[in-house]
Amino acid sequence: MYRFYDYACEGCGERFEAMVRMEDRDGVNCATCGARGRRLAPRISLSLGAYSRKTLWDAKQDANLAREQDHAFAKEQAKGEAEFFEAIGP
């Protein structure tokens, strides 16, 4: 099985990511200088499952609602301005 691992080069210090087999994860060399790469601690990812999907969906719905309300407000404002200018005349 292949996985992504983060490394820091022991020669030049460059950080890089490599996709390697789990058995070969400690034998990765830097592409820049060829020195041995030191594997860094894995990144932690947190999945909230259905809750996170629901939250993202709700955020999108809230953004759409806000956009519609802004559009409706702008229409009403333009209508009010037009009535005002008609009332005061040229």
N, C-alpha and C. Protein backbone atom coordinates (compact mmCIF):
# COMPACT_ATOMS: atom_id res chain seq x y z
N MET A 1 0.84 -1.17 0.00
CA MET A 1 0.00 0.00 0.00
C MET A 1 0.90 1.24 0.00
N TYR A 2 0.57 2.19 -0.84
CA TYR A 2 1.31 3.45 -0.93
C TYR A 2 0.62 4.52 -0.09
N ARG A 3 1.45 5.36 0.54
CA ARG A 3 0.93 6.47 1.34
C ARG A 3 1.83 7.67 1.15
N PHE A 4 1.32 8.84 1.49
CA PHE A 4 2.12 10.06 1.46
C PHE A 4 2.76 10.26 2.83
N TYR A 5 4.05 10.60 2.81
CA TYR A 5 4.78 10.90 4.03
C TYR A 5 5.51 12.23 3.84
N ASP A 6 5.68 12.96 4.93
CA ASP A 6 6.43 14.21 4.92
C ASP A 6 7.84 13.94 5.40
N TYR A 7 8.81 14.59 4.73
CA TYR A 7 10.22 14.40 5.04
C TYR A 7 10.91 15.75 5.14
N ALA A 8 12.05 15.75 5.86
CA ALA A 8 12.96 16.90 5.89
C ALA A 8 14.32 16.35 5.52
N CYS A 9 14.98 17.00 4.56
CA CYS A 9 16.28 16.54 4.11
C CYS A 9 17.33 16.79 5.18
N GLU A 10 18.18 15.79 5.44
CA GLU A 10 19.24 15.95 6.43
C GLU A 10 20.42 16.74 5.87
N GLY A 11 20.47 16.89 4.54
CA GLY A 11 21.56 17.64 3.92
C GLY A 11 21.25 19.11 3.75
N CYS A 12 20.19 19.42 2.99
CA CYS A 12 19.88 20.82 2.68
C CYS A 12 18.73 21.38 3.52
N GLY A 13 18.01 20.52 4.26
CA GLY A 13 16.94 21.00 5.13
C GLY A 13 15.60 21.20 4.44
N GLU A 14 15.54 20.95 3.13
CA GLU A 14 14.29 21.15 2.40
C GLU A 14 13.24 20.15 2.88
N ARG A 15 12.01 20.63 2.97
CA ARG A 15 10.89 19.75 3.32
C ARG A 15 10.21 19.30 2.04
N PHE A 16 9.83 18.03 1.99
CA PHE A 16 9.17 17.49 0.81
C PHE A 16 8.23 16.38 1.20
N GLU A 17 7.37 16.03 0.28
CA GLU A 17 6.39 14.98 0.47
C GLU A 17 6.66 13.90 -0.56
N ALA A 18 6.55 12.65 -0.16
CA ALA A 18 6.79 11.55 -1.09
C ALA A 18 5.73 10.48 -0.89
N MET A 19 5.33 9.87 -2.02
CA MET A 19 4.38 8.77 -1.96
C MET A 19 5.20 7.48 -2.10
N VAL A 20 5.26 6.71 -1.03
CA VAL A 20 6.08 5.50 -1.01
C VAL A 20 5.30 4.37 -0.37
N ARG A 21 5.81 3.14 -0.63
CA ARG A 21 5.21 1.99 0.05
C ARG A 21 5.54 2.07 1.53
N MET A 22 4.66 1.56 2.34
CA MET A 22 4.85 1.62 3.79
C MET A 22 6.16 0.95 4.20
N GLU A 23 6.56 -0.12 3.49
CA GLU A 23 7.80 -0.82 3.83
C GLU A 23 9.03 0.02 3.52
N ASP A 24 8.92 0.96 2.56
CA ASP A 24 10.06 1.76 2.11
C ASP A 24 10.07 3.17 2.69
N ARG A 25 9.23 3.45 3.64
CA ARG A 25 9.04 4.82 4.09
C ARG A 25 10.27 5.44 4.75
N ASP A 26 11.23 4.64 5.22
CA ASP A 26 12.42 5.19 5.86
C ASP A 26 13.60 5.32 4.91
N GLY A 27 13.46 4.90 3.68
CA GLY A 27 14.58 4.95 2.73
C GLY A 27 14.37 5.94 1.61
N VAL A 28 13.95 7.16 1.91
CA VAL A 28 13.66 8.16 0.89
C VAL A 28 14.77 9.21 0.87
N ASN A 29 15.24 9.53 -0.33
CA ASN A 29 16.28 10.54 -0.49
C ASN A 29 15.70 11.83 -1.05
N CYS A 30 16.36 12.93 -0.74
CA CYS A 30 15.96 14.26 -1.21
C CYS A 30 16.16 14.36 -2.71
N ALA A 31 15.19 14.90 -3.42
CA ALA A 31 15.30 15.07 -4.86
C ALA A 31 16.23 16.22 -5.21
N THR A 32 16.45 17.15 -4.30
CA THR A 32 17.29 18.32 -4.56
C THR A 32 18.78 17.99 -4.45
N CYS A 33 19.18 17.38 -3.31
CA CYS A 33 20.61 17.14 -3.10
C CYS A 33 20.98 15.67 -2.99
N GLY A 34 19.99 14.79 -2.86
CA GLY A 34 20.25 13.36 -2.80
C GLY A 34 20.54 12.82 -1.40
N ALA A 35 20.58 13.68 -0.40
CA ALA A 35 20.83 13.22 0.97
C ALA A 35 19.61 12.48 1.51
N ARG A 36 19.82 11.82 2.62
CA ARG A 36 18.74 11.04 3.23
C ARG A 36 17.66 11.96 3.78
N GLY A 37 16.41 11.56 3.60
CA GLY A 37 15.29 12.31 4.15
C GLY A 37 14.85 11.74 5.48
N ARG A 38 14.61 12.60 6.45
CA ARG A 38 14.14 12.19 7.77
C ARG A 38 12.63 12.33 7.78
N ARG A 39 11.94 11.23 8.10
CA ARG A 39 10.48 11.25 8.10
C ARG A 39 9.98 12.10 9.25
N LEU A 40 9.03 12.99 8.96
CA LEU A 40 8.46 13.87 9.98
C LEU A 40 7.23 13.23 10.59
N ALA A 41 6.81 13.75 11.72
CA ALA A 41 5.61 13.24 12.37
C ALA A 41 4.41 13.41 11.44
N PRO A 42 3.52 12.45 11.41
CA PRO A 42 2.38 12.53 10.50
C PRO A 42 1.43 13.67 10.86
N ARG A 43 0.80 14.21 9.84
CA ARG A 43 -0.23 15.22 10.07
C ARG A 43 -1.47 14.53 10.62
N ILE A 44 -2.16 15.21 11.47
CA ILE A 44 -3.38 14.64 12.05
C ILE A 44 -4.57 15.24 11.33
N SER A 45 -5.45 14.39 10.86
CA SER A 45 -6.67 14.88 10.24
C SER A 45 -7.86 14.43 11.07
N LEU A 46 -8.83 15.29 11.17
CA LEU A 46 -10.00 15.02 11.97
C LEU A 46 -11.22 14.99 11.07
N SER A 47 -11.94 13.92 11.12
CA SER A 47 -13.15 13.80 10.33
C SER A 47 -14.34 13.72 11.27
N LEU A 48 -15.30 14.59 11.03
CA LEU A 48 -16.49 14.59 11.86
C LEU A 48 -17.65 13.86 11.19
N GLY A 49 -17.35 13.20 10.08
CA GLY A 49 -18.35 12.40 9.40
C GLY A 49 -19.53 13.21 8.90
N ALA A 50 -20.73 12.73 9.14
CA ALA A 50 -21.94 13.37 8.65
C ALA A 50 -22.10 14.77 9.21
N TYR A 51 -21.62 15.01 10.42
CA TYR A 51 -21.76 16.33 11.02
C TYR A 51 -21.04 17.39 10.20
N SER A 52 -19.80 17.09 9.78
CA SER A 52 -19.05 18.08 9.01
C SER A 52 -19.70 18.31 7.65
N ARG A 53 -20.22 17.26 7.02
CA ARG A 53 -20.90 17.44 5.74
C ARG A 53 -22.15 18.30 5.94
N LYS A 54 -22.89 18.05 7.02
CA LYS A 54 -24.09 18.83 7.30
C LYS A 54 -23.71 20.28 7.55
N THR A 55 -22.66 20.50 8.31
CA THR A 55 -22.23 21.85 8.61
C THR A 55 -21.83 22.60 7.34
N LEU A 56 -21.07 21.94 6.47
CA LEU A 56 -20.67 22.58 5.21
C LEU A 56 -21.89 22.87 4.35
N TRP A 57 -22.84 21.93 4.31
CA TRP A 57 -24.05 22.15 3.52
C TRP A 57 -24.83 23.32 4.09
N ASP A 58 -24.95 23.37 5.42
CA ASP A 58 -25.66 24.49 6.06
C ASP A 58 -24.98 25.81 5.76
N ALA A 59 -23.66 25.84 5.78
CA ALA A 59 -22.93 27.07 5.50
C ALA A 59 -23.20 27.53 4.07
N LYS A 60 -23.25 26.59 3.14
CA LYS A 60 -23.54 26.94 1.75
C LYS A 60 -24.96 27.49 1.62
N GLN A 61 -25.90 26.85 2.30
CA GLN A 61 -27.29 27.32 2.27
C GLN A 61 -27.40 28.72 2.88
N ASP A 62 -26.69 28.95 3.99
CA ASP A 62 -26.71 30.26 4.63
C ASP A 62 -26.13 31.32 3.70
N ALA A 63 -25.07 30.98 2.98
CA ALA A 63 -24.46 31.93 2.04
C ALA A 63 -25.43 32.25 0.91
N ASN A 64 -26.13 31.23 0.40
CA ASN A 64 -27.10 31.45 -0.66
C ASN A 64 -28.25 32.34 -0.18
N LEU A 65 -28.72 32.10 1.04
CA LEU A 65 -29.81 32.90 1.60
C LEU A 65 -29.36 34.36 1.77
N ALA A 66 -28.15 34.56 2.27
CA ALA A 66 -27.63 35.92 2.46
C ALA A 66 -27.51 36.63 1.11
N ARG A 67 -27.06 35.91 0.09
CA ARG A 67 -26.94 36.48 -1.25
C ARG A 67 -28.32 36.90 -1.78
N GLU A 68 -29.32 36.05 -1.57
CA GLU A 68 -30.68 36.39 -2.01
C GLU A 68 -31.22 37.59 -1.25
N GLN A 69 -30.97 37.67 0.04
CA GLN A 69 -31.44 38.80 0.84
C GLN A 69 -30.74 40.09 0.41
N ASP A 70 -29.44 40.01 0.11
CA ASP A 70 -28.72 41.19 -0.36
C ASP A 70 -29.28 41.67 -1.70
N HIS A 71 -29.61 40.73 -2.58
CA HIS A 71 -30.17 41.07 -3.88
C HIS A 71 -31.54 41.74 -3.72
N ALA A 72 -32.37 41.17 -2.84
CA ALA A 72 -33.70 41.74 -2.60
C ALA A 72 -33.58 43.13 -2.00
N PHE A 73 -32.65 43.34 -1.06
CA PHE A 73 -32.43 44.64 -0.45
C PHE A 73 -31.99 45.66 -1.50
N ALA A 74 -31.08 45.25 -2.38
CA ALA A 74 -30.60 46.16 -3.42
C ALA A 74 -31.74 46.56 -4.36
N LYS A 75 -32.62 45.62 -4.69
CA LYS A 75 -33.76 45.94 -5.55
C LYS A 75 -34.69 46.94 -4.88
N GLU A 76 -34.97 46.71 -3.59
CA GLU A 76 -35.84 47.62 -2.86
C GLU A 76 -35.21 49.01 -2.73
N GLN A 77 -33.92 49.04 -2.51
CA GLN A 77 -33.22 50.32 -2.39
C GLN A 77 -33.28 51.08 -3.71
N ALA A 78 -33.04 50.39 -4.82
CA ALA A 78 -33.10 51.04 -6.13
C ALA A 78 -34.51 51.54 -6.42
N LYS A 79 -35.52 50.75 -6.04
CA LYS A 79 -36.91 51.16 -6.25
C LYS A 79 -37.22 52.42 -5.44
N GLY A 80 -36.76 52.45 -4.17
CA GLY A 80 -36.98 53.61 -3.32
C GLY A 80 -36.29 54.85 -3.86
N GLU A 81 -35.08 54.69 -4.37
CA GLU A 81 -34.36 55.82 -4.95
C GLU A 81 -35.08 56.36 -6.18
N ALA A 82 -35.57 55.46 -7.02
CA ALA A 82 -36.29 55.88 -8.21
C ALA A 82 -37.55 56.66 -7.84
N GLU A 83 -38.30 56.17 -6.83
CA GLU A 83 -39.50 56.88 -6.38
C GLU A 83 -39.15 58.25 -5.79
N PHE A 84 -38.05 58.32 -5.06
CA PHE A 84 -37.62 59.58 -4.48
C PHE A 84 -37.31 60.61 -5.57
N PHE A 85 -36.55 60.19 -6.57
CA PHE A 85 -36.18 61.13 -7.64
C PHE A 85 -37.38 61.52 -8.50
N GLU A 86 -38.35 60.61 -8.64
CA GLU A 86 -39.58 60.96 -9.36
C GLU A 86 -40.38 61.99 -8.56
N ALA A 87 -40.35 61.85 -7.25
CA ALA A 87 -41.13 62.76 -6.39
C ALA A 87 -40.54 64.19 -6.39
N ILE A 88 -39.21 64.28 -6.43
CA ILE A 88 -38.62 65.63 -6.38
C ILE A 88 -38.55 66.27 -7.75
N GLY A 89 -38.70 65.48 -8.79
CA GLY A 89 -38.72 66.04 -10.16
C GLY A 89 -37.35 66.41 -10.67
N PRO A 90 -37.35 66.97 -11.89
CA PRO A 90 -36.06 67.30 -12.53
C PRO A 90 -35.37 68.48 -11.94
